[in-house]
Amino acid sequence: MKDGTVKLSEFVFHRSGAPIVDFRDPWTEACKEAAVPGKLFHDLRRTAVRNMVRAGVGQAVAMTISGHRTASMFQRYNVTSSSDQREALDKTAAHLAAQPPVPQNQPTISSVAILQAPSGNADRTRTVHSLQPSEHRAEAANS
């Protein structure tokens, strides 16, 4: 304000507290001046979501900040990249490499599958065997 007071607004884009309904032209001009022509406003929203998730902000809190009402829409903005995938694989390989060795010829149980018995009978379980941790380490080292 001219007298030096500061007025707060509930709107991100406003003029003296009144909402700016259409900001396409000023946005386009601002992007040109910032040397990022063609940048979409929603690119910033996507970046903000990615940054919050990678900073460890909880999804519920990030959703209130970004304005997403459903988890499915929030996840559409939380785009993963090839570097995210590489980091996940590196963490998995490090985890497997840190596992204690298992004696040879001793299978390890990696998961238990719950199967629905025919005609609604009680559930049955079946164990599924996987590679031993030492075999995981060998595979991880060779990749």
Protein backbone atom coordinates (compact mmCIF):
# COMPACT_ATOMS: atom_id res chain seq x y z
CA MET A 1 0.00 0.00 0.00
CA LYS A 2 1.11 3.58 -0.48
CA ASP A 3 1.23 4.27 3.24
CA GLY A 4 3.63 1.34 3.81
CA THR A 5 1.15 -1.08 5.35
CA VAL A 6 1.09 -4.63 4.10
CA LYS A 7 -2.19 -6.27 3.18
CA LEU A 8 -2.42 -10.07 3.18
CA SER A 9 -4.55 -11.94 0.68
CA GLU A 10 -5.81 -15.49 0.56
CA PHE A 11 -5.02 -15.52 -3.17
CA VAL A 12 -1.66 -16.30 -4.76
CA PHE A 13 -2.46 -14.05 -7.71
CA HIS A 14 -4.21 -10.88 -6.61
CA ARG A 15 -4.31 -7.17 -7.09
CA SER A 16 -4.85 -5.35 -3.78
CA GLY A 17 -6.49 -8.48 -2.35
CA ALA A 18 -8.91 -9.02 -5.23
CA PRO A 19 -8.36 -12.25 -7.19
CA ILE A 20 -6.87 -12.09 -10.66
CA VAL A 21 -9.08 -14.41 -12.67
CA ASP A 22 -7.13 -14.65 -15.90
CA PHE A 23 -3.36 -14.34 -15.64
CA ARG A 24 -2.38 -16.02 -18.91
CA ASP A 25 -0.98 -12.94 -20.63
CA PRO A 26 1.06 -11.72 -17.63
CA TRP A 27 2.26 -15.31 -17.06
CA THR A 28 3.42 -15.63 -20.67
CA GLU A 29 5.25 -12.31 -20.46
CA ALA A 30 6.87 -13.22 -17.11
CA CYS A 31 8.09 -16.54 -18.53
CA LYS A 32 9.65 -14.77 -21.51
CA GLU A 33 11.40 -12.27 -19.22
CA ALA A 34 12.65 -15.14 -17.03
CA ALA A 35 14.05 -16.91 -20.13
CA VAL A 36 11.74 -19.90 -19.70
CA PRO A 37 9.20 -19.41 -22.50
CA GLY A 38 6.46 -21.98 -22.71
CA LYS A 39 6.63 -22.91 -19.02
CA LEU A 40 3.20 -23.94 -17.76
CA PHE A 41 1.86 -22.82 -14.41
CA HIS A 42 1.14 -26.44 -13.50
CA ASP A 43 4.82 -27.24 -14.07
CA LEU A 44 5.40 -25.31 -10.83
CA ARG A 45 2.74 -27.31 -9.02
CA ARG A 46 4.30 -30.57 -10.17
CA THR A 47 7.75 -29.36 -9.09
CA ALA A 48 6.40 -28.29 -5.71
CA VAL A 49 4.82 -31.72 -5.12
CA ARG A 50 8.03 -33.53 -6.13
CA ASN A 51 10.12 -31.28 -3.90
CA MET A 52 7.86 -31.78 -0.88
CA VAL A 53 7.80 -35.58 -1.29
CA ARG A 54 11.59 -35.77 -1.71
CA ALA A 55 12.04 -33.51 1.32
CA GLY A 56 10.07 -36.00 3.42
CA VAL A 57 6.89 -33.93 3.83
CA GLY A 58 3.99 -36.27 4.60
CA GLN A 59 1.49 -36.80 1.81
CA ALA A 60 -1.46 -35.45 3.80
CA VAL A 61 0.38 -32.21 4.58
CA ALA A 62 1.69 -31.86 1.01
CA MET A 63 -1.86 -32.37 -0.32
CA THR A 64 -3.19 -29.52 1.83
CA ILE A 65 -0.45 -27.24 0.49
CA SER A 66 -0.83 -28.27 -3.16
CA GLY A 67 -4.64 -28.28 -3.01
CA HIS A 68 -5.05 -31.89 -4.13
CA ARG A 69 -8.19 -33.45 -2.68
CA THR A 70 -7.51 -37.07 -3.63
CA ALA A 71 -4.43 -39.24 -3.25
CA SER A 72 -4.79 -40.46 -6.82
CA MET A 73 -4.56 -36.94 -8.24
CA PHE A 74 -1.67 -36.12 -5.91
CA GLN A 75 0.21 -39.17 -7.23
CA ARG A 76 -0.30 -37.97 -10.81
CA TYR A 77 1.71 -34.88 -9.87
CA ASN A 78 4.35 -36.90 -7.99
CA VAL A 79 6.11 -38.01 -11.16
CA THR A 80 9.03 -40.38 -10.80
CA SER A 81 12.14 -40.03 -12.89
CA SER A 82 14.80 -42.45 -14.05
CA SER A 83 17.08 -41.09 -11.30
CA ASP A 84 14.36 -41.92 -8.72
CA GLN A 85 14.23 -45.47 -10.09
CA ARG A 86 18.03 -45.79 -10.11
CA GLU A 87 18.15 -44.61 -6.47
CA ALA A 88 15.51 -47.20 -5.51
CA LEU A 89 17.49 -49.99 -7.20
CA ASP A 90 20.73 -48.85 -5.56
CA LYS A 91 19.06 -48.83 -2.12
CA THR A 92 17.66 -52.32 -2.73
CA ALA A 93 21.06 -53.66 -3.82
CA ALA A 94 22.72 -52.11 -0.75
CA HIS A 95 20.08 -53.65 1.51
CA LEU A 96 20.56 -57.11 -0.01
CA ALA A 97 24.35 -56.81 0.15
CA ALA A 98 24.12 -56.06 3.89
CA GLN A 99 22.17 -59.24 4.64
CA PRO A 100 24.04 -62.02 6.48
CA PRO A 101 25.00 -65.00 4.33
CA VAL A 102 22.63 -67.96 4.28
CA PRO A 103 24.06 -71.49 4.28
CA GLN A 104 24.11 -73.07 0.81
CA ASN A 105 21.18 -75.31 -0.17
CA GLN A 106 18.87 -73.65 2.37
CA PRO A 107 15.94 -71.93 0.66
CA THR A 108 14.71 -68.63 2.04
CA ILE A 109 11.10 -67.58 2.19
CA SER A 110 10.52 -64.27 0.47
CA SER A 111 6.75 -64.12 0.69
CA VAL A 112 3.64 -65.99 1.68
CA ALA A 113 0.73 -66.00 -0.74
CA ILE A 114 -2.78 -66.22 0.66
CA LEU A 115 -5.02 -68.25 -1.64
CA GLN A 116 -8.78 -68.36 -1.46
CA ALA A 117 -9.93 -71.97 -1.36
CA PRO A 118 -12.63 -73.00 -3.85
CA SER A 119 -16.28 -72.56 -2.84
CA GLY A 120 -15.54 -70.16 0.03
CA ASN A 121 -13.66 -72.61 2.27
CA ALA A 122 -11.03 -71.37 4.72
CA ASP A 123 -7.93 -69.66 3.35
CA ARG A 124 -4.83 -71.73 2.61
CA THR A 125 -1.29 -70.44 2.58
CA ARG A 126 1.51 -71.33 0.24
CA THR A 127 5.13 -70.35 0.69
CA VAL A 128 7.05 -68.98 -2.24
CA HIS A 129 10.81 -69.54 -2.26
CA SER A 130 13.23 -67.09 -3.76
CA LEU A 131 16.94 -66.67 -4.26
CA GLN A 132 19.11 -66.74 -1.20
CA PRO A 133 20.48 -63.33 -0.11
CA SER A 134 23.95 -64.36 -1.28
CA GLU A 135 22.50 -64.97 -4.76
CA HIS A 136 20.84 -61.51 -4.64
CA ARG A 137 24.23 -59.98 -3.80
CA ALA A 138 25.86 -61.76 -6.71
CA GLU A 139 23.15 -60.55 -9.08
CA ALA A 140 23.37 -56.99 -7.75
CA ALA A 141 27.15 -56.97 -8.17
CA ASN A 142 26.88 -58.16 -11.76
CA SER A 143 24.32 -55.51 -12.76
